[in-house]
Each structure stands twice: as structure tokens, then as C-alpha cells.
């Protein structure tokens, strides 16, 4: 059952808020993507105005939309200039005020979620003005989204079914495609979907697909990948191409990858992610649990919190200990994390430890992730059990036939990136600066069109 309607003209008046409620920009437009067979066109993201530029924020980053603004699930955004892709349509710039074949004019367009909050947004309804002539205002009516098809053009997507599959299954299906079809699939997927796909491909295939897209987009995709996977991919590329991609990335993201590339591929430093969940000893259990709920944190990293002295970004201050999710659930919410750690139980490895030593420690102590620390005890990152498995499984294991694997249909939820503070990276962007504008409200309700549709959260704009 679709959720309440949200009209594009009202959304465009709203501020974009990070998880702390800080305004980082203002919505300028809504981006519609290619339609799946039998489904309305999906909302793929929002165009957001920040000082000096318009950027793209993927709809998967949006937690909710209400009268206070567009609330993001993470402060991580990409600040490169927005540029629409083929078959994408801007609602305000491309649909509003356009005339349909029957003579009616599009006054506003509504979007709605197709189910629970985690489900995607889709085009839902159109608010039309009919019979407007000189001196007459015209009538208003609300229609289903299909009335907009003449304005949407050919937005059908023959690869749309791939978006509902787990990235492992997508990788298996594209293996048998022609080169032209594989290129079309890569063009169709957004940056986050392509990053997920690349993480499931053999290194040689990863390098081939990265070479088929522009340097700017390749840099965006690398920023979306888990840092250790991105570093492995870069290590497979020629030195000149590697330098070009690192130069095109956000400085912070590139610096993380350059640190990983300094380590041997089969060492703890080469296997680790530099973005585990890190908090200080004064943070409470409640704060830790709230952070672990973030959909962007992979499940294997959400199994524990690393407690360190400041700073809390790798390389951190001295590692004080690790608190598991199970222990957090048993503690009183107001308890400080410093009171939960046992300094004598801290197990860690140096960055030059072998992959065999890391795997042995993970297995011996039933750990989901082992901390990697330098000689001063500072946390550099963590090697997760899934990354250890990637390196101990036989070479070419990703190429095993789908018949030899258990079937998987669910797509991974959320993202794989760690939390960051504004201004950072993520969906399509690159620069700096945050808006400090006050949050815009939805304004007073407008006159509702005659419709049997569910009541909208905001009325469409007043017809011109």
C-alpha cells in the first residue's frame, strides 16, 4: 500500500537535514529514473542546492520527508556537480507546467513510498489544470501517474529486474552478457548499485568495468565501495590509471585508500577497513545502539563498537577495548562505554600480521572483526570476518556456478560506508561547504484537487 503523497513543489521548498538536524542544503528538484515493467517510474534521488552548486543525493540516503525537511540517514554526501543521466527526468524542470496531448497542463506531481520506510519512492499522481483560457483559471483534477507517460518518453528499463537481486546474483547474470549489454547494465545502475556489483566480481572483471566508465564516475563508484575492496581494485589497475582515479576522488577518501595501498595485500593492513564503528569512553550505551542502527553500517561492522581515546577517526587515540552488540543490549542505556570495556581482554593484531594470523584469531575467539593497531596502540582499522573469508577461499571462488550456491533473492539494504560529518562524500559529488539556511516549512495547505486518492501530506501548488 503506497504511503502518503508528497508533492514535488512542496518538497522543493524544504531544507535537507543531516541526522543531527543540521541543514546542509535545499531541495531543488526530484529525479525520476527509468520505469520497470508494470511499475511507476522510481524516484532515484533529489537535486540539492549547496553553496555554489547543485548536487545529487540518492533517495536511498533519505530517511523520511516531513514538514520540517528532508531527513538523511547519514551525513555522508557527495558534493560533485549534478548531471542527469540518460532516461532520467527532472520533475520540476521537465514535467511541471508542461502541456499534455489532451490540452491539460501539469500543475504538480506527487511521489509516494511503496511500502514500509525502507521501500523506494515512486511517481504516484499528477495534479492537472484543465480548460484554462484567457481570463479563466481552469479546473483542477488529480490523475494517476500514467497520464504523464507522453512527457516521460521511453524510460523503460529492460535491466530493471536486476535491481531487485542480491549483488552476487547480478554478478552471475551479467557474466554471460555480451560486452554491449554489460556496458548498458553499467550505465543503468546507479553508483551505489554498481559499487555493490563490483565488490562481488573477480578483480579482472572489476578492472574491465571500471575502464568502461568515465574517470569522474569511476571515482564516485570507488567512494561508494568498501575501502578495502576499493583498494584491492585500485591495486589491480596500471599505476597511471590508479593515480588518475585517486586524483579525481575526494581527498579524504583518496587518503584512506592510499594508506591501505601501502600495506601488503595479504596482511592485516591490506585487509582492514579504516571505517569501523568508533566511539569514545564517555559515549553512552544508548548512543552506541543508535549508531549501530544506521542502515549504512554493514551488519558485520554493526556487531561491535571500538572504544578509543580521541581522535575517533583512524588512526585514533589508544584503543581502550571493544564492546559487542550483545553486551550493549544487556547494559543499562545510560552506562558509559568506558565502564563496559575490559582492558585485559583487548585482542589486536599489527598491520603487518599475515592473513593466516588474522583468520586464526577471528576463529579462535569467535570474533566478527579484529582490531588492527600500530605500535602505539592506535586503532588503524579492523579486519572483518567476511574480508578474511575472501582471502582464504580458493582463487576464482566468485566464478562458481549459480547452481552450486544457495539461492539468494534479497538485495542488500543500506550502504557500506561509515558515518561522516558534513561536508563528506557518497552518492554523486565533490567540494566543500554546508548551507546554514534555516529549515523551510511545508507552508499553509493549498486547495485540494478532487480525487479519491489517499489524502496527501501536502497539497499541490496553486495553479497558475
Protein backbone atom coordinates (compact mmCIF):
# COMPACT_ATOMS: atom_id res chain seq x y z
CA UNK A 1 0.00 0.00 0.00
CA UNK A 2 1.58 3.34 -1.06
CA UNK A 3 2.31 5.85 1.66
CA UNK A 4 1.06 9.46 1.87
CA UNK A 5 1.59 11.64 -1.19
CA UNK A 6 4.36 14.24 -1.21
CA UNK A 7 4.14 16.89 -3.93
CA UNK A 8 7.31 17.92 -5.74
CA UNK A 9 6.63 21.65 -5.50
CA UNK A 10 6.38 21.36 -1.70
CA UNK A 11 9.47 19.17 -1.40
CA UNK A 12 11.43 21.78 -3.37
CA UNK A 13 10.76 24.29 -0.59
CA UNK A 14 12.34 22.06 2.08
CA UNK A 15 15.78 22.01 3.65
CA UNK A 16 17.92 18.88 3.64
CA UNK A 17 18.90 17.89 7.18
CA UNK A 18 21.65 15.57 8.37
CA UNK A 19 20.98 13.06 11.21
CA UNK A 20 21.79 15.77 13.77
CA UNK A 21 19.21 18.16 12.27
CA UNK A 22 21.85 20.46 10.71
CA UNK A 23 20.85 21.99 7.38
CA UNK A 24 23.24 21.04 4.58
CA UNK A 25 21.29 22.34 1.59
CA UNK A 26 17.90 22.84 -0.01
CA UNK A 27 15.95 20.62 -2.41
CA UNK A 28 15.94 21.98 -5.97
CA UNK A 29 14.31 19.11 -7.86
CA UNK A 30 13.23 15.45 -7.81
CA UNK A 31 14.92 12.96 -10.18
CA UNK A 32 12.84 10.19 -11.78
CA UNK A 33 14.58 7.13 -13.20
CA UNK A 34 13.71 4.50 -15.85
CA UNK A 35 10.45 2.63 -15.24
CA UNK A 36 10.31 -1.09 -14.53
CA UNK A 37 7.73 -3.16 -16.43
CA UNK A 38 4.33 -2.73 -14.80
CA UNK A 39 5.63 -0.23 -12.23
CA UNK A 40 5.65 3.56 -11.97
CA UNK A 41 8.99 5.27 -12.61
CA UNK A 42 11.10 5.22 -9.41
CA UNK A 43 12.46 8.29 -7.67
CA UNK A 44 16.24 7.83 -7.83
CA UNK A 45 17.22 10.94 -5.89
CA UNK A 46 16.97 14.64 -5.21
CA UNK A 47 18.85 17.58 -6.70
CA UNK A 48 20.08 19.59 -3.73
CA UNK A 49 21.45 23.12 -3.78
CA UNK A 50 24.50 23.75 -1.60
CA UNK A 51 26.61 26.94 -1.77
CA UNK A 52 27.79 27.42 -5.33
CA UNK A 53 26.47 24.19 -6.87
CA UNK A 54 23.69 21.64 -7.36
CA UNK A 55 24.47 18.11 -6.23
CA UNK A 56 22.72 14.73 -6.28
CA UNK A 57 21.52 12.91 -3.15
CA UNK A 58 20.35 9.34 -3.75
CA UNK A 59 16.85 8.58 -2.44
CA UNK A 60 18.35 5.64 -0.53
CA UNK A 61 20.04 8.24 1.70
CA UNK A 62 16.66 9.73 2.70
CA UNK A 63 15.19 8.50 5.97
CA UNK A 64 11.94 10.48 5.79
CA UNK A 65 10.32 13.59 4.33
CA UNK A 66 8.08 15.75 6.52
CA UNK A 67 7.16 19.40 7.05
CA UNK A 68 10.50 20.06 8.79
CA UNK A 69 12.55 18.94 5.80
CA UNK A 70 14.19 16.01 4.08
CA UNK A 71 15.94 13.96 6.78
CA UNK A 72 19.00 11.99 5.69
CA UNK A 73 20.04 8.67 7.20
CA UNK A 74 23.69 9.72 7.04
CA UNK A 75 25.68 12.96 6.89
CA UNK A 76 27.74 11.42 4.07
CA UNK A 77 27.01 13.20 0.78
CA UNK A 78 28.86 13.66 -2.49
CA UNK A 79 29.44 17.27 -3.50
CA UNK A 80 30.25 16.99 -7.20
CA UNK A 81 28.06 18.91 -9.63
CA UNK A 82 24.84 17.11 -10.55
CA UNK A 83 24.49 15.92 -14.13
CA UNK A 84 21.39 13.89 -15.16
CA UNK A 85 21.93 10.50 -16.77
CA UNK A 86 20.16 9.18 -19.90
CA UNK A 87 16.48 8.33 -19.26
CA UNK A 88 16.40 10.38 -16.03
CA UNK A 89 13.74 13.12 -15.81
CA UNK A 90 13.69 16.17 -13.55
CA UNK A 91 10.19 16.69 -12.17
CA UNK A 92 10.20 20.46 -11.66
CA UNK A 93 12.32 21.31 -14.71
CA UNK A 94 10.91 18.64 -17.03
CA UNK A 95 7.29 17.96 -16.05
CA UNK A 96 5.69 20.92 -14.25
CA UNK A 97 3.87 23.43 -16.49
CA UNK A 98 4.10 21.06 -19.48
CA UNK A 99 1.03 20.55 -21.68
CA UNK A 100 -0.35 17.05 -22.24
CA UNK A 101 -1.91 15.83 -25.53
CA UNK A 102 -5.45 16.39 -24.16
CA UNK A 103 -4.66 20.05 -23.54
CA UNK A 104 -4.37 19.82 -19.75
CA UNK A 105 -1.30 21.25 -18.04
CA UNK A 106 0.78 19.60 -15.31
CA UNK A 107 0.41 21.73 -12.19
CA UNK A 108 2.21 19.41 -9.77
CA UNK A 109 3.47 15.83 -9.41
CA UNK A 110 3.20 13.63 -6.31
CA UNK A 111 5.55 10.85 -5.19
CA UNK A 112 4.93 8.21 -2.54
CA UNK A 113 6.71 5.34 -0.83
CA UNK A 114 5.55 1.93 -2.00
CA UNK A 115 5.51 0.31 1.44
CA UNK A 116 7.49 0.43 4.70
CA UNK A 117 10.01 3.27 5.21
CA UNK A 118 12.84 1.18 3.76
CA UNK A 119 10.99 0.73 0.45
CA UNK A 120 11.64 3.03 -2.53
CA UNK A 121 9.73 6.10 -3.62
CA UNK A 122 7.82 6.14 -6.92
CA UNK A 123 5.88 8.54 -9.11
CA UNK A 124 2.28 8.42 -7.86
CA UNK A 125 -0.11 11.10 -9.16
CA UNK A 126 -0.35 14.23 -11.28
CA UNK A 127 -2.28 17.39 -10.39
CA UNK A 128 -3.58 18.86 -13.66
CA UNK A 129 -5.18 22.14 -14.75
CA UNK A 130 -7.87 21.69 -17.41
CA UNK A 131 -9.59 24.25 -19.62
CA UNK A 132 -7.50 27.29 -18.70
CA UNK A 133 -8.19 30.17 -21.07
CA UNK A 134 -7.61 33.90 -21.03
CA UNK A 135 -9.49 35.28 -18.04
CA UNK A 136 -10.38 31.82 -16.69
CA UNK A 137 -8.47 29.87 -14.06
CA UNK A 138 -9.34 26.40 -15.31
CA UNK A 139 -10.44 23.32 -13.40
CA UNK A 140 -8.20 21.10 -11.28
CA UNK A 141 -8.15 17.34 -11.34
CA UNK A 142 -5.91 14.61 -9.97
CA UNK A 143 -4.90 11.66 -12.16
CA UNK A 144 -2.74 8.57 -11.77
CA UNK A 145 0.90 8.85 -12.88
CA UNK A 146 0.18 7.14 -16.24
CA UNK A 147 -1.19 10.41 -17.61
CA UNK A 148 2.42 11.71 -17.60
CA UNK A 149 3.78 8.98 -19.89
CA UNK A 150 3.82 11.24 -23.01
CA UNK A 151 6.23 13.55 -21.15
CA UNK A 152 8.42 10.78 -19.78
CA UNK A 153 9.49 9.45 -23.18
CA UNK A 154 10.98 5.95 -23.43
CA UNK A 155 12.01 5.38 -19.84
CA UNK A 156 11.54 1.63 -19.94
CA UNK A 157 14.42 -0.27 -18.45
CA UNK A 158 14.97 -3.84 -19.61
CA UNK A 159 17.55 -4.37 -16.86
CA UNK A 160 15.31 -3.09 -14.07
CA UNK A 161 14.80 -6.61 -12.65
CA UNK A 162 18.49 -6.72 -11.73
CA UNK A 163 17.97 -4.01 -9.10
CA UNK A 164 15.84 -6.36 -7.00
CA UNK A 165 18.54 -9.04 -6.83
CA UNK A 166 21.41 -9.53 -4.43
CA UNK A 167 24.65 -8.17 -5.98
CA UNK A 168 26.06 -11.73 -6.06
CA UNK A 169 23.16 -12.79 -8.30
CA UNK A 170 23.59 -9.70 -10.50
CA UNK A 171 27.25 -10.62 -10.96
CA UNK A 172 26.28 -14.13 -12.04
CA UNK A 173 23.73 -12.89 -14.56
CA UNK A 174 25.96 -10.33 -16.28
CA UNK A 175 28.76 -12.90 -16.68
CA UNK A 176 27.01 -14.34 -19.78
CA UNK A 177 26.02 -11.00 -21.33
CA UNK A 178 27.63 -9.53 -24.41
CA UNK A 179 30.04 -6.64 -23.99
CA UNK A 180 27.43 -4.19 -25.30
CA UNK A 181 24.79 -5.45 -22.85
CA UNK A 182 27.22 -5.32 -19.91
CA UNK A 183 28.01 -1.71 -20.78
CA UNK A 184 24.28 -0.94 -20.86
CA UNK A 185 23.81 -2.55 -17.44
CA UNK A 186 26.66 -0.46 -16.00
CA UNK A 187 25.07 2.70 -17.42
CA UNK A 188 21.67 1.77 -15.94
CA UNK A 189 22.88 1.07 -12.39
CA UNK A 190 23.40 3.97 -10.02
CA UNK A 191 26.77 4.45 -8.30
CA UNK A 192 25.85 2.54 -5.15
CA UNK A 193 24.43 -0.40 -7.11
CA UNK A 194 27.49 -0.51 -9.34
CA UNK A 195 29.76 -0.40 -6.28
CA UNK A 196 27.89 -3.36 -4.75
CA UNK A 197 28.21 -5.26 -8.04
CA UNK A 198 31.94 -4.60 -8.37
CA UNK A 199 32.55 -5.93 -4.86
CA UNK A 200 31.15 -9.30 -5.97
CA UNK A 201 33.18 -9.62 -9.20
CA UNK A 202 36.66 -11.11 -9.73
CA UNK A 203 39.38 -8.44 -9.83
CA UNK A 204 39.94 -8.77 -13.59
CA UNK A 205 36.23 -8.13 -14.30
CA UNK A 206 36.22 -5.21 -11.87
CA UNK A 207 39.09 -3.56 -13.72
CA UNK A 208 37.36 -4.11 -17.06
CA UNK A 209 34.08 -2.49 -15.97
CA UNK A 210 35.85 0.46 -14.33
CA UNK A 211 37.63 1.07 -17.61
CA UNK A 212 34.28 1.39 -19.44
CA UNK A 213 33.05 4.44 -17.49
CA UNK A 214 34.33 7.99 -17.18
CA UNK A 215 37.05 8.82 -14.68
CA UNK A 216 34.64 11.06 -12.74
CA UNK A 217 32.04 8.33 -12.37
CA UNK A 218 34.68 5.70 -11.58
CA UNK A 219 35.89 7.94 -8.74
CA UNK A 220 32.31 8.22 -7.43
CA UNK A 221 31.88 4.44 -7.55
CA UNK A 222 35.17 3.84 -5.73
CA UNK A 223 33.98 6.21 -2.99
CA UNK A 224 30.81 4.11 -2.67
CA UNK A 225 32.74 0.85 -2.29
CA UNK A 226 34.01 -0.52 1.00
CA UNK A 227 37.53 0.97 1.35
CA UNK A 228 39.31 -2.38 1.45
CA UNK A 229 37.51 -3.56 -1.71
CA UNK A 230 38.24 -0.26 -3.46
CA UNK A 231 41.93 -0.56 -2.53
CA UNK A 232 42.03 -4.13 -3.90
CA UNK A 233 40.53 -2.89 -7.17
CA UNK A 234 42.99 0.00 -7.46
CA UNK A 235 45.88 -2.39 -6.86
CA UNK A 236 44.83 -4.30 -10.00
CA UNK A 237 44.99 -1.21 -12.23
CA UNK A 238 48.02 0.23 -14.05
CA UNK A 239 49.85 2.84 -11.96
CA UNK A 240 48.88 5.73 -14.26
CA UNK A 241 45.17 4.84 -14.14
CA UNK A 242 45.36 4.39 -10.36
CA UNK A 243 46.91 7.86 -9.91
CA UNK A 244 44.27 9.42 -12.18
CA UNK A 245 41.40 7.88 -10.20
CA UNK A 246 42.86 8.83 -6.82
CA UNK A 247 43.31 12.41 -8.03
CA UNK A 248 39.62 12.52 -9.06
CA UNK A 249 38.37 11.29 -5.67
CA UNK A 250 37.54 13.30 -2.57
CA UNK A 251 40.85 13.98 -0.73
CA UNK A 252 39.64 12.23 2.45
CA UNK A 253 38.52 9.13 0.58
CA UNK A 254 41.70 9.03 -1.51
CA UNK A 255 43.86 9.34 1.60
CA UNK A 256 42.15 6.30 3.18
CA UNK A 257 42.81 4.22 0.07
CA UNK A 258 46.41 5.37 -0.23
CA UNK A 259 47.03 4.25 3.36
CA UNK A 260 45.56 0.83 2.58
CA UNK A 261 47.63 0.52 -0.60
CA UNK A 262 50.85 0.91 1.41
CA UNK A 263 50.25 -2.46 3.06
CA UNK A 264 50.79 -5.88 1.51
CA UNK A 265 47.51 -7.27 0.10
CA UNK A 266 47.62 -10.37 2.31
CA UNK A 267 48.44 -8.52 5.52
CA UNK A 268 46.08 -7.21 8.20
CA UNK A 269 46.73 -3.67 6.94
CA UNK A 270 45.78 -4.68 3.41
CA UNK A 271 42.62 -6.49 4.52
CA UNK A 272 41.26 -3.99 7.03
CA UNK A 273 38.56 -1.38 6.64
CA UNK A 274 39.55 2.02 8.07
CA UNK A 275 35.90 2.78 8.96
CA UNK A 276 34.81 0.56 11.87
CA UNK A 277 32.32 1.94 14.39
CA UNK A 278 34.36 4.04 16.85
CA UNK A 279 33.20 5.95 19.93
CA UNK A 280 34.85 7.48 22.99
CA UNK A 281 34.70 6.12 26.54
CA UNK A 282 32.24 8.83 27.63
CA UNK A 283 29.64 7.86 25.00
CA UNK A 284 26.65 6.00 26.42
CA UNK A 285 25.31 2.58 25.53
CA UNK A 286 22.20 4.31 24.13
CA UNK A 287 24.37 6.40 21.77
CA UNK A 288 26.21 3.30 20.62
CA UNK A 289 22.99 1.41 19.88
CA UNK A 290 21.57 4.38 17.98
CA UNK A 291 24.71 4.49 15.83
CA UNK A 292 24.65 0.75 15.15
CA UNK A 293 21.06 1.07 13.89
CA UNK A 294 22.21 3.23 10.98
CA UNK A 295 21.33 1.37 7.76
CA UNK A 296 24.62 2.46 6.17
CA UNK A 297 26.68 0.36 8.58
CA UNK A 298 27.25 -3.19 7.26
CA UNK A 299 25.98 -5.92 9.58
CA UNK A 300 29.46 -7.32 10.17
CA UNK A 301 30.66 -3.91 11.45
CA UNK A 302 27.47 -3.34 13.44
CA UNK A 303 28.35 -6.27 15.67
CA UNK A 304 30.69 -4.26 17.90
CA UNK A 305 31.87 -0.78 18.87
CA UNK A 306 35.56 0.05 19.19
CA UNK A 307 36.22 2.37 22.15
CA UNK A 308 39.22 4.68 21.83
CA UNK A 309 40.68 7.87 23.19
CA UNK A 310 40.30 10.90 20.86
CA UNK A 311 40.52 11.31 17.94
CA UNK A 312 37.81 8.86 16.92
CA UNK A 313 38.76 8.54 13.25
CA UNK A 314 41.55 6.19 12.22
CA UNK A 315 44.32 6.47 13.17
CA UNK A 316 42.61 7.06 16.52
CA UNK A 317 43.89 7.59 20.01
CA UNK A 318 44.84 4.49 22.02
CA UNK A 319 42.36 1.60 21.73
CA UNK A 320 40.66 1.01 25.10
CA UNK A 321 38.57 -2.00 24.18
CA UNK A 322 35.74 -3.49 22.14
CA UNK A 323 32.09 -3.77 23.20
CA UNK A 324 29.93 -6.31 21.37
CA UNK A 325 26.34 -5.64 20.31
CA UNK A 326 25.19 -8.46 22.59
CA UNK A 327 26.85 -6.80 25.58
CA UNK A 328 25.35 -3.43 24.68
CA UNK A 329 21.88 -4.97 24.72
CA UNK A 330 22.48 -6.25 28.25
CA UNK A 331 23.71 -2.94 29.68
CA UNK A 332 21.71 -0.05 31.11
CA UNK A 333 21.31 2.55 28.30
CA UNK A 334 22.91 5.34 30.36
CA UNK A 335 26.08 3.32 31.08
CA UNK A 336 29.29 4.84 29.69
CA UNK A 337 31.16 2.66 27.20
CA UNK A 338 34.33 3.15 29.24
CA UNK A 339 32.64 1.15 32.02
CA UNK A 340 31.82 -1.70 29.61
CA UNK A 341 35.29 -2.46 28.26
CA UNK A 342 37.74 -4.90 29.79
CA UNK A 343 41.25 -3.63 29.03
CA UNK A 344 42.74 -7.06 29.75
CA UNK A 345 40.55 -8.68 27.06
CA UNK A 346 41.67 -6.45 24.18
CA UNK A 347 42.94 -8.64 21.34
CA UNK A 348 44.54 -6.94 18.36
CA UNK A 349 46.98 -7.51 15.50
CA UNK A 350 49.66 -5.27 13.94
CA UNK A 351 49.17 -4.08 10.34
CA UNK A 352 51.89 -6.46 9.08
CA UNK A 353 50.22 -9.57 10.56
CA UNK A 354 49.56 -12.26 7.95
CA UNK A 355 46.07 -13.09 6.73
CA UNK A 356 46.54 -16.53 8.29
CA UNK A 357 47.23 -14.99 11.71
CA UNK A 358 44.18 -12.74 11.40
CA UNK A 359 41.94 -15.64 10.38
CA UNK A 360 43.23 -17.78 13.25
CA UNK A 361 42.40 -15.05 15.78
CA UNK A 362 38.91 -14.50 14.35
CA UNK A 363 38.20 -18.23 14.55
CA UNK A 364 39.80 -18.84 17.96
CA UNK A 365 37.87 -16.09 19.73
CA UNK A 366 34.63 -16.13 17.66
CA UNK A 367 35.17 -12.51 16.62
CA UNK A 368 33.31 -10.65 13.89
CA UNK A 369 36.18 -8.18 13.48
CA UNK A 370 39.70 -7.95 14.85
CA UNK A 371 41.24 -4.52 15.55
CA UNK A 372 44.44 -3.54 13.71
CA UNK A 373 46.67 -1.27 15.81
CA UNK A 374 50.08 0.34 15.34
CA UNK A 375 52.96 0.11 17.82
CA UNK A 376 51.48 2.98 19.88
CA UNK A 377 48.16 1.12 20.30
CA UNK A 378 46.26 3.44 17.97
CA UNK A 379 43.40 1.86 16.04
CA UNK A 380 44.10 1.87 12.28
CA UNK A 381 41.11 -0.21 11.23
CA UNK A 382 39.54 -3.63 11.61
CA UNK A 383 39.57 -6.84 9.59
CA UNK A 384 36.07 -8.32 9.38
CA UNK A 385 35.29 -12.00 9.09
CA UNK A 386 33.87 -11.60 5.56
CA UNK A 387 37.08 -9.95 4.33
CA UNK A 388 39.15 -12.74 5.89
CA UNK A 389 36.98 -15.31 4.11
CA UNK A 390 37.50 -13.56 0.78
CA UNK A 391 41.24 -14.22 1.10
CA UNK A 392 41.22 -17.79 2.38
CA UNK A 393 38.69 -19.15 -0.12
CA UNK A 394 40.17 -20.73 -3.29
CA UNK A 395 41.16 -18.37 -6.08
CA UNK A 396 38.28 -17.87 -8.51
CA UNK A 397 35.60 -18.79 -5.95
CA UNK A 398 33.44 -15.90 -7.17
CA UNK A 399 33.16 -17.61 -10.55
CA UNK A 400 31.42 -20.71 -9.12
CA UNK A 401 28.21 -21.52 -10.97
CA UNK A 402 24.93 -20.27 -9.52
CA UNK A 403 23.79 -23.92 -9.37
CA UNK A 404 26.44 -24.59 -6.72
CA UNK A 405 25.23 -21.76 -4.49
CA UNK A 406 22.20 -21.46 -2.27
CA UNK A 407 19.63 -19.17 -3.97
CA UNK A 408 19.53 -15.57 -2.81
CA UNK A 409 16.93 -13.05 -3.89
CA UNK A 410 17.02 -10.30 -1.30
CA UNK A 411 19.04 -7.25 -2.17
CA UNK A 412 21.43 -5.86 0.38
CA UNK A 413 19.91 -2.99 2.29
CA UNK A 414 21.50 0.26 3.27
CA UNK A 415 25.05 1.10 2.34
CA UNK A 416 28.54 0.06 3.31
CA UNK A 417 30.01 3.43 4.10
CA UNK A 418 30.91 4.63 7.57
CA UNK A 419 29.36 7.75 9.04
CA UNK A 420 30.97 11.09 8.24
CA UNK A 421 30.39 14.70 9.13
CA UNK A 422 29.39 17.35 6.62
CA UNK A 423 30.86 18.05 4.16
CA UNK A 424 31.82 14.46 3.10
CA UNK A 425 31.35 12.00 0.19
CA UNK A 426 28.77 9.49 -1.08
CA UNK A 427 26.33 9.43 -3.97
CA UNK A 428 27.48 11.62 -6.90
CA UNK A 429 29.52 14.71 -5.84
CA UNK A 430 32.78 16.69 -4.55
CA UNK A 431 33.70 20.05 -2.94
CA UNK A 432 33.11 21.58 0.43
CA UNK A 433 30.81 23.89 2.29
CA UNK A 434 27.47 23.47 4.02
CA UNK A 435 24.37 25.56 3.94
CA UNK A 436 23.37 27.19 7.19
CA UNK A 437 19.93 28.25 5.95
CA UNK A 438 17.03 27.79 8.28
CA UNK A 439 14.85 24.75 7.65
CA UNK A 440 11.91 25.56 5.38
CA UNK A 441 8.44 24.51 6.39
CA UNK A 442 5.83 23.00 4.10
CA UNK A 443 3.75 26.15 4.31
CA UNK A 444 -0.01 26.50 4.61
CA UNK A 445 -2.17 23.87 2.88
CA UNK A 446 -3.30 24.59 -0.66
CA UNK A 447 -6.71 23.81 -2.11
CA UNK A 448 -7.00 20.05 -2.67
CA UNK A 449 -7.83 18.63 -6.11
CA UNK A 450 -10.92 16.46 -6.43
CA UNK A 451 -9.60 12.91 -6.03
CA UNK A 452 -10.34 9.56 -4.46
CA UNK A 453 -6.61 9.06 -3.77
CA UNK A 454 -5.31 8.83 -0.17
CA UNK A 455 -5.02 12.27 1.49
CA UNK A 456 -1.68 13.90 0.57
CA UNK A 457 0.78 15.10 3.19
CA UNK A 458 0.95 18.45 1.32
CA UNK A 459 -1.42 19.88 -1.22
CA UNK A 460 -0.16 20.54 -4.75
CA UNK A 461 0.86 24.09 -5.60
CA UNK A 462 -1.76 26.67 -6.55
CA UNK A 463 -2.35 26.55 -10.31
CA UNK A 464 -1.01 29.43 -12.36
